[in-house]
Amino acid sequence: MAIDITTPALLFPALSLLLLAYTNRFMGLAQIVRQMSRQLYDRQDEHLLRQLRSLQQRISVIKFTQAAGIASMLVCVIAMLFLFCDNEMGGRISFGVSLMFMVISLLLSLWEILLSGFALKIELDWLYQRNK
């Protein structure tokens, strides 16, 4: 089965949207961290410290998610370059590696979503304890 330059080009819209979504999540977390740091400055609270540790872990995962997405896009461009130069084998291998990075990025995104759910559980537990 032949592969041409349009095959890797199909990934670009998906990768662009994924990177935009990852960036939006990162910016949202950065805003929450800034708000929480002001709260922590006003009062020391174990609940806030737990939330900050969770946010720190989530931000780290999002950075790796973004890195894997960017690597996927870069290797996809390399695949297109190989195919443009009539090197189908190099294009196939590069495209496969690009897909692998995309899968890694999606799995990391899933991990961050699970961490986000855990962070919400911390918040809900705290609210429940306060309103007993």
N, C-alpha and C. Protein backbone atom coordinates (compact mmCIF):
# COMPACT_ATOMS: atom_id res chain seq x y z
N MET A 1 0.84 -1.17 0.00
CA MET A 1 0.00 0.00 0.00
C MET A 1 0.89 1.24 0.00
N ALA A 2 0.65 2.11 -0.94
CA ALA A 2 1.47 3.32 -1.07
C ALA A 2 0.99 4.39 -0.09
N ILE A 3 1.94 5.19 0.33
CA ILE A 3 1.64 6.32 1.21
C ILE A 3 2.15 7.57 0.48
N ASP A 4 1.33 8.61 0.44
CA ASP A 4 1.78 9.84 -0.20
C ASP A 4 1.78 10.98 0.82
N ILE A 5 2.17 12.14 0.36
CA ILE A 5 2.38 13.29 1.26
C ILE A 5 1.09 13.74 1.95
N THR A 6 -0.06 13.41 1.37
CA THR A 6 -1.32 13.85 1.99
C THR A 6 -1.67 13.04 3.23
N THR A 7 -1.14 11.83 3.35
CA THR A 7 -1.46 11.00 4.52
C THR A 7 -0.99 11.64 5.82
N PRO A 8 0.30 12.00 5.95
CA PRO A 8 0.70 12.67 7.20
C PRO A 8 0.06 14.05 7.34
N ALA A 9 -0.25 14.69 6.23
CA ALA A 9 -0.87 16.02 6.30
C ALA A 9 -2.23 15.96 6.98
N LEU A 10 -2.86 14.79 6.98
CA LEU A 10 -4.16 14.64 7.65
C LEU A 10 -4.07 14.83 9.16
N LEU A 11 -2.89 14.62 9.73
CA LEU A 11 -2.72 14.77 11.18
C LEU A 11 -2.68 16.23 11.63
N PHE A 12 -2.33 17.14 10.76
CA PHE A 12 -2.12 18.52 11.17
C PHE A 12 -3.34 19.17 11.84
N PRO A 13 -4.54 19.06 11.28
CA PRO A 13 -5.68 19.67 11.98
C PRO A 13 -5.92 19.06 13.36
N ALA A 14 -5.79 17.75 13.46
CA ALA A 14 -6.01 17.10 14.75
C ALA A 14 -4.94 17.52 15.76
N LEU A 15 -3.69 17.54 15.33
CA LEU A 15 -2.61 17.93 16.23
C LEU A 15 -2.73 19.39 16.66
N SER A 16 -3.12 20.25 15.73
CA SER A 16 -3.29 21.67 16.07
C SER A 16 -4.38 21.85 17.12
N LEU A 17 -5.49 21.15 16.96
CA LEU A 17 -6.58 21.26 17.94
C LEU A 17 -6.17 20.68 19.29
N LEU A 18 -5.44 19.57 19.27
CA LEU A 18 -4.98 18.99 20.53
C LEU A 18 -4.04 19.94 21.26
N LEU A 19 -3.09 20.52 20.53
CA LEU A 19 -2.15 21.45 21.17
C LEU A 19 -2.87 22.67 21.72
N LEU A 20 -3.88 23.14 21.03
CA LEU A 20 -4.67 24.27 21.52
C LEU A 20 -5.40 23.89 22.81
N ALA A 21 -5.98 22.71 22.82
CA ALA A 21 -6.68 22.25 24.03
C ALA A 21 -5.71 22.09 25.20
N TYR A 22 -4.52 21.53 24.94
CA TYR A 22 -3.52 21.38 26.01
C TYR A 22 -3.07 22.74 26.54
N THR A 23 -2.88 23.69 25.64
CA THR A 23 -2.46 25.03 26.06
C THR A 23 -3.55 25.69 26.90
N ASN A 24 -4.80 25.53 26.50
CA ASN A 24 -5.90 26.10 27.29
C ASN A 24 -5.95 25.49 28.68
N ARG A 25 -5.73 24.18 28.80
CA ARG A 25 -5.72 23.54 30.11
C ARG A 25 -4.56 24.09 30.94
N PHE A 26 -3.41 24.23 30.31
CA PHE A 26 -2.23 24.76 31.01
C PHE A 26 -2.50 26.17 31.52
N MET A 27 -3.07 27.02 30.68
CA MET A 27 -3.35 28.40 31.08
C MET A 27 -4.39 28.44 32.20
N GLY A 28 -5.39 27.57 32.14
CA GLY A 28 -6.39 27.50 33.21
C GLY A 28 -5.76 27.11 34.53
N LEU A 29 -4.87 26.14 34.49
CA LEU A 29 -4.18 25.72 35.72
C LEU A 29 -3.27 26.82 36.25
N ALA A 30 -2.61 27.53 35.36
CA ALA A 30 -1.73 28.64 35.79
C ALA A 30 -2.54 29.70 36.52
N GLN A 31 -3.73 29.98 36.03
CA GLN A 31 -4.59 30.96 36.68
C GLN A 31 -5.03 30.47 38.07
N ILE A 32 -5.36 29.20 38.17
CA ILE A 32 -5.77 28.64 39.47
C ILE A 32 -4.61 28.70 40.45
N VAL A 33 -3.40 28.38 39.99
CA VAL A 33 -2.23 28.42 40.87
C VAL A 33 -2.01 29.84 41.39
N ARG A 34 -2.14 30.82 40.53
CA ARG A 34 -1.97 32.21 40.98
C ARG A 34 -3.00 32.59 42.04
N GLN A 35 -4.24 32.19 41.84
CA GLN A 35 -5.29 32.47 42.82
C GLN A 35 -5.00 31.77 44.14
N MET A 36 -4.60 30.51 44.06
CA MET A 36 -4.35 29.75 45.28
C MET A 36 -3.12 30.26 46.01
N SER A 37 -2.13 30.75 45.29
CA SER A 37 -0.93 31.26 45.97
C SER A 37 -1.28 32.50 46.78
N ARG A 38 -2.19 33.32 46.27
CA ARG A 38 -2.64 34.48 47.06
C ARG A 38 -3.38 34.03 48.31
N GLN A 39 -4.21 32.98 48.18
CA GLN A 39 -4.93 32.46 49.34
C GLN A 39 -3.96 31.88 50.36
N LEU A 40 -2.95 31.17 49.88
CA LEU A 40 -1.97 30.55 50.77
C LEU A 40 -1.12 31.62 51.46
N TYR A 41 -0.91 32.72 50.79
CA TYR A 41 -0.17 33.83 51.40
C TYR A 41 -0.95 34.39 52.60
N ASP A 42 -2.29 34.44 52.47
CA ASP A 42 -3.13 34.96 53.54
C ASP A 42 -3.28 33.98 54.70
N ARG A 43 -3.31 32.68 54.40
CA ARG A 43 -3.49 31.69 55.46
C ARG A 43 -2.84 30.38 55.06
N GLN A 44 -2.21 29.73 56.03
CA GLN A 44 -1.65 28.39 55.81
C GLN A 44 -2.77 27.39 56.01
N ASP A 45 -2.96 26.53 55.06
CA ASP A 45 -4.05 25.57 55.11
C ASP A 45 -3.60 24.28 54.44
N GLU A 46 -3.76 23.16 55.12
CA GLU A 46 -3.36 21.86 54.57
C GLU A 46 -4.13 21.55 53.29
N HIS A 47 -5.39 21.97 53.26
CA HIS A 47 -6.22 21.75 52.06
C HIS A 47 -5.60 22.44 50.85
N LEU A 48 -5.19 23.69 51.02
CA LEU A 48 -4.57 24.42 49.91
C LEU A 48 -3.25 23.79 49.49
N LEU A 49 -2.48 23.31 50.45
CA LEU A 49 -1.21 22.66 50.13
C LEU A 49 -1.44 21.37 49.32
N ARG A 50 -2.48 20.61 49.68
CA ARG A 50 -2.81 19.40 48.91
C ARG A 50 -3.22 19.77 47.49
N GLN A 51 -3.99 20.83 47.37
CA GLN A 51 -4.43 21.27 46.04
C GLN A 51 -3.22 21.73 45.20
N LEU A 52 -2.31 22.46 45.83
CA LEU A 52 -1.13 22.94 45.11
C LEU A 52 -0.24 21.79 44.65
N ARG A 53 -0.10 20.76 45.50
CA ARG A 53 0.68 19.58 45.09
C ARG A 53 0.02 18.90 43.89
N SER A 54 -1.30 18.81 43.93
CA SER A 54 -2.03 18.22 42.82
C SER A 54 -1.86 19.05 41.55
N LEU A 55 -1.96 20.36 41.68
CA LEU A 55 -1.79 21.24 40.52
C LEU A 55 -0.38 21.14 39.95
N GLN A 56 0.61 21.03 40.83
CA GLN A 56 1.99 20.90 40.38
C GLN A 56 2.16 19.64 39.54
N GLN A 57 1.57 18.55 39.99
CA GLN A 57 1.66 17.29 39.25
C GLN A 57 0.93 17.40 37.90
N ARG A 58 -0.25 18.02 37.91
CA ARG A 58 -1.02 18.17 36.68
C ARG A 58 -0.29 19.05 35.66
N ILE A 59 0.34 20.12 36.13
CA ILE A 59 1.08 21.00 35.22
C ILE A 59 2.25 20.24 34.60
N SER A 60 2.92 19.43 35.40
CA SER A 60 4.03 18.64 34.89
C SER A 60 3.54 17.67 33.80
N VAL A 61 2.43 17.02 34.04
CA VAL A 61 1.88 16.08 33.05
C VAL A 61 1.48 16.83 31.77
N ILE A 62 0.89 18.01 31.91
CA ILE A 62 0.48 18.77 30.73
C ILE A 62 1.70 19.20 29.92
N LYS A 63 2.80 19.55 30.59
CA LYS A 63 4.01 19.91 29.86
C LYS A 63 4.50 18.74 29.01
N PHE A 64 4.50 17.53 29.58
CA PHE A 64 4.92 16.36 28.81
C PHE A 64 3.90 16.04 27.70
N THR A 65 2.64 16.29 27.97
CA THR A 65 1.60 16.09 26.96
C THR A 65 1.85 17.01 25.77
N GLN A 66 2.12 18.28 26.06
CA GLN A 66 2.42 19.24 25.01
C GLN A 66 3.68 18.84 24.25
N ALA A 67 4.71 18.41 24.98
CA ALA A 67 5.97 18.02 24.34
C ALA A 67 5.74 16.84 23.38
N ALA A 68 4.95 15.87 23.80
CA ALA A 68 4.67 14.72 22.93
C ALA A 68 3.86 15.15 21.71
N GLY A 69 2.92 16.08 21.89
CA GLY A 69 2.15 16.59 20.75
C GLY A 69 3.03 17.35 19.77
N ILE A 70 3.93 18.16 20.29
CA ILE A 70 4.85 18.91 19.43
C ILE A 70 5.79 17.95 18.70
N ALA A 71 6.29 16.95 19.42
CA ALA A 71 7.16 15.95 18.78
C ALA A 71 6.41 15.23 17.67
N SER A 72 5.15 14.93 17.90
CA SER A 72 4.33 14.28 16.87
C SER A 72 4.24 15.15 15.62
N MET A 73 4.03 16.44 15.83
CA MET A 73 3.91 17.35 14.68
C MET A 73 5.25 17.47 13.95
N LEU A 74 6.34 17.58 14.69
CA LEU A 74 7.66 17.70 14.06
C LEU A 74 8.01 16.46 13.24
N VAL A 75 7.77 15.29 13.81
CA VAL A 75 8.09 14.05 13.09
C VAL A 75 7.13 13.88 11.90
N CYS A 76 5.93 14.38 12.02
CA CYS A 76 4.99 14.35 10.90
C CYS A 76 5.51 15.21 9.74
N VAL A 77 6.08 16.35 10.07
CA VAL A 77 6.69 17.21 9.04
C VAL A 77 7.87 16.48 8.39
N ILE A 78 8.65 15.79 9.20
CA ILE A 78 9.78 15.02 8.66
C ILE A 78 9.26 13.93 7.72
N ALA A 79 8.16 13.29 8.09
CA ALA A 79 7.57 12.27 7.21
C ALA A 79 7.16 12.89 5.89
N MET A 80 6.56 14.07 5.94
CA MET A 80 6.16 14.74 4.70
C MET A 80 7.40 15.09 3.86
N LEU A 81 8.47 15.51 4.51
CA LEU A 81 9.70 15.83 3.80
C LEU A 81 10.27 14.59 3.11
N PHE A 82 10.31 13.46 3.83
CA PHE A 82 10.76 12.21 3.22
C PHE A 82 9.91 11.85 2.01
N LEU A 83 8.60 11.96 2.16
CA LEU A 83 7.72 11.60 1.05
C LEU A 83 7.87 12.58 -0.12
N PHE A 84 8.10 13.84 0.19
CA PHE A 84 8.34 14.84 -0.85
C PHE A 84 9.60 14.49 -1.65
N CYS A 85 10.58 13.92 -0.96
CA CYS A 85 11.84 13.54 -1.62
C CYS A 85 11.79 12.11 -2.16
N ASP A 86 10.59 11.56 -2.27
CA ASP A 86 10.38 10.20 -2.80
C ASP A 86 11.06 9.11 -1.99
N ASN A 87 11.18 9.31 -0.69
CA ASN A 87 11.71 8.28 0.21
C ASN A 87 10.52 7.72 1.00
N GLU A 88 9.82 6.76 0.38
CA GLU A 88 8.60 6.24 1.00
C GLU A 88 8.89 5.52 2.32
N MET A 89 9.96 4.76 2.39
CA MET A 89 10.27 4.03 3.62
C MET A 89 10.53 5.00 4.77
N GLY A 90 11.32 6.03 4.52
CA GLY A 90 11.56 7.05 5.56
C GLY A 90 10.26 7.74 5.95
N GLY A 91 9.40 8.00 4.98
CA GLY A 91 8.11 8.61 5.26
C GLY A 91 7.22 7.71 6.10
N ARG A 92 7.20 6.43 5.78
CA ARG A 92 6.39 5.48 6.56
C ARG A 92 6.88 5.39 8.01
N ILE A 93 8.18 5.25 8.16
CA ILE A 93 8.74 5.13 9.51
C ILE A 93 8.47 6.41 10.30
N SER A 94 8.73 7.55 9.70
CA SER A 94 8.51 8.82 10.39
C SER A 94 7.03 9.00 10.74
N PHE A 95 6.15 8.64 9.82
CA PHE A 95 4.72 8.76 10.09
C PHE A 95 4.31 7.84 11.24
N GLY A 96 4.87 6.64 11.28
CA GLY A 96 4.59 5.72 12.39
C GLY A 96 5.05 6.28 13.72
N VAL A 97 6.24 6.88 13.72
CA VAL A 97 6.76 7.50 14.95
C VAL A 97 5.87 8.67 15.35
N SER A 98 5.42 9.43 14.38
CA SER A 98 4.52 10.55 14.65
C SER A 98 3.23 10.07 15.31
N LEU A 99 2.68 8.98 14.79
CA LEU A 99 1.47 8.42 15.39
C LEU A 99 1.73 7.93 16.81
N MET A 100 2.93 7.36 17.04
CA MET A 100 3.28 6.90 18.38
C MET A 100 3.32 8.08 19.36
N PHE A 101 3.93 9.19 18.95
CA PHE A 101 3.96 10.38 19.81
C PHE A 101 2.55 10.91 20.07
N MET A 102 1.70 10.83 19.07
CA MET A 102 0.33 11.29 19.26
C MET A 102 -0.40 10.42 20.28
N VAL A 103 -0.19 9.11 20.22
CA VAL A 103 -0.80 8.20 21.20
C VAL A 103 -0.27 8.51 22.60
N ILE A 104 1.03 8.73 22.72
CA ILE A 104 1.62 9.09 24.02
C ILE A 104 0.97 10.36 24.54
N SER A 105 0.83 11.34 23.68
CA SER A 105 0.21 12.61 24.06
C SER A 105 -1.21 12.40 24.55
N LEU A 106 -1.97 11.58 23.85
CA LEU A 106 -3.36 11.31 24.26
C LEU A 106 -3.42 10.55 25.58
N LEU A 107 -2.53 9.61 25.78
CA LEU A 107 -2.51 8.87 27.05
C LEU A 107 -2.13 9.79 28.21
N LEU A 108 -1.18 10.68 27.99
CA LEU A 108 -0.83 11.65 29.03
C LEU A 108 -1.99 12.58 29.32
N SER A 109 -2.72 12.95 28.29
CA SER A 109 -3.90 13.79 28.47
C SER A 109 -4.95 13.06 29.32
N LEU A 110 -5.12 11.78 29.06
CA LEU A 110 -6.04 10.98 29.87
C LEU A 110 -5.59 10.96 31.33
N TRP A 111 -4.29 10.80 31.55
CA TRP A 111 -3.76 10.79 32.91
C TRP A 111 -4.05 12.12 33.61
N GLU A 112 -3.86 13.22 32.89
CA GLU A 112 -4.12 14.54 33.48
C GLU A 112 -5.60 14.70 33.81
N ILE A 113 -6.47 14.18 32.98
CA ILE A 113 -7.91 14.24 33.27
C ILE A 113 -8.23 13.45 34.53
N LEU A 114 -7.60 12.30 34.69
CA LEU A 114 -7.80 11.52 35.92
C LEU A 114 -7.29 12.28 37.14
N LEU A 115 -6.14 12.92 37.00
CA LEU A 115 -5.61 13.75 38.10
C LEU A 115 -6.55 14.91 38.41
N SER A 116 -7.15 15.46 37.38
CA SER A 116 -8.11 16.55 37.57
C SER A 116 -9.31 16.07 38.39
N GLY A 117 -9.77 14.88 38.10
CA GLY A 117 -10.87 14.31 38.88
C GLY A 117 -10.49 14.11 40.33
N PHE A 118 -9.25 13.70 40.57
CA PHE A 118 -8.76 13.54 41.94
C PHE A 118 -8.70 14.89 42.65
N ALA A 119 -8.28 15.93 41.93
CA ALA A 119 -8.23 17.28 42.52
C ALA A 119 -9.63 17.75 42.90
N LEU A 120 -10.60 17.46 42.06
CA LEU A 120 -11.98 17.83 42.40
C LEU A 120 -12.48 17.05 43.61
N LYS A 121 -12.04 15.80 43.75
CA LYS A 121 -12.42 15.02 44.92
C LYS A 121 -11.85 15.66 46.19
N ILE A 122 -10.62 16.14 46.12
CA ILE A 122 -10.03 16.83 47.28
C ILE A 122 -10.89 18.02 47.66
N GLU A 123 -11.30 18.78 46.67
CA GLU A 123 -12.12 19.97 46.92
C GLU A 123 -13.48 19.59 47.49
N LEU A 124 -14.11 18.59 46.91
CA LEU A 124 -15.43 18.17 47.40
C LEU A 124 -15.35 17.60 48.81
N ASP A 125 -14.31 16.83 49.11
CA ASP A 125 -14.13 16.31 50.48
C ASP A 125 -13.98 17.45 51.47
N TRP A 126 -13.20 18.46 51.09
CA TRP A 126 -12.99 19.62 51.95
C TRP A 126 -14.30 20.36 52.19
N LEU A 127 -15.08 20.57 51.14
CA LEU A 127 -16.38 21.24 51.28
C LEU A 127 -17.31 20.45 52.17
N TYR A 128 -17.30 19.15 51.99
CA TYR A 128 -18.16 18.28 52.81
C TYR A 128 -17.76 18.38 54.28
N GLN A 129 -16.46 18.36 54.57
CA GLN A 129 -15.97 18.44 55.95
C GLN A 129 -16.32 19.79 56.58
N ARG A 130 -16.25 20.84 55.81
CA ARG A 130 -16.55 22.19 56.33
C ARG A 130 -18.04 22.35 56.65
N ASN A 131 -18.89 21.67 55.93
CA ASN A 131 -20.34 21.87 56.08
C ASN A 131 -21.02 20.75 56.84
N LYS A 132 -20.27 20.00 57.61
CA LYS A 132 -20.86 18.96 58.45
C LYS A 132 -21.62 19.56 59.59
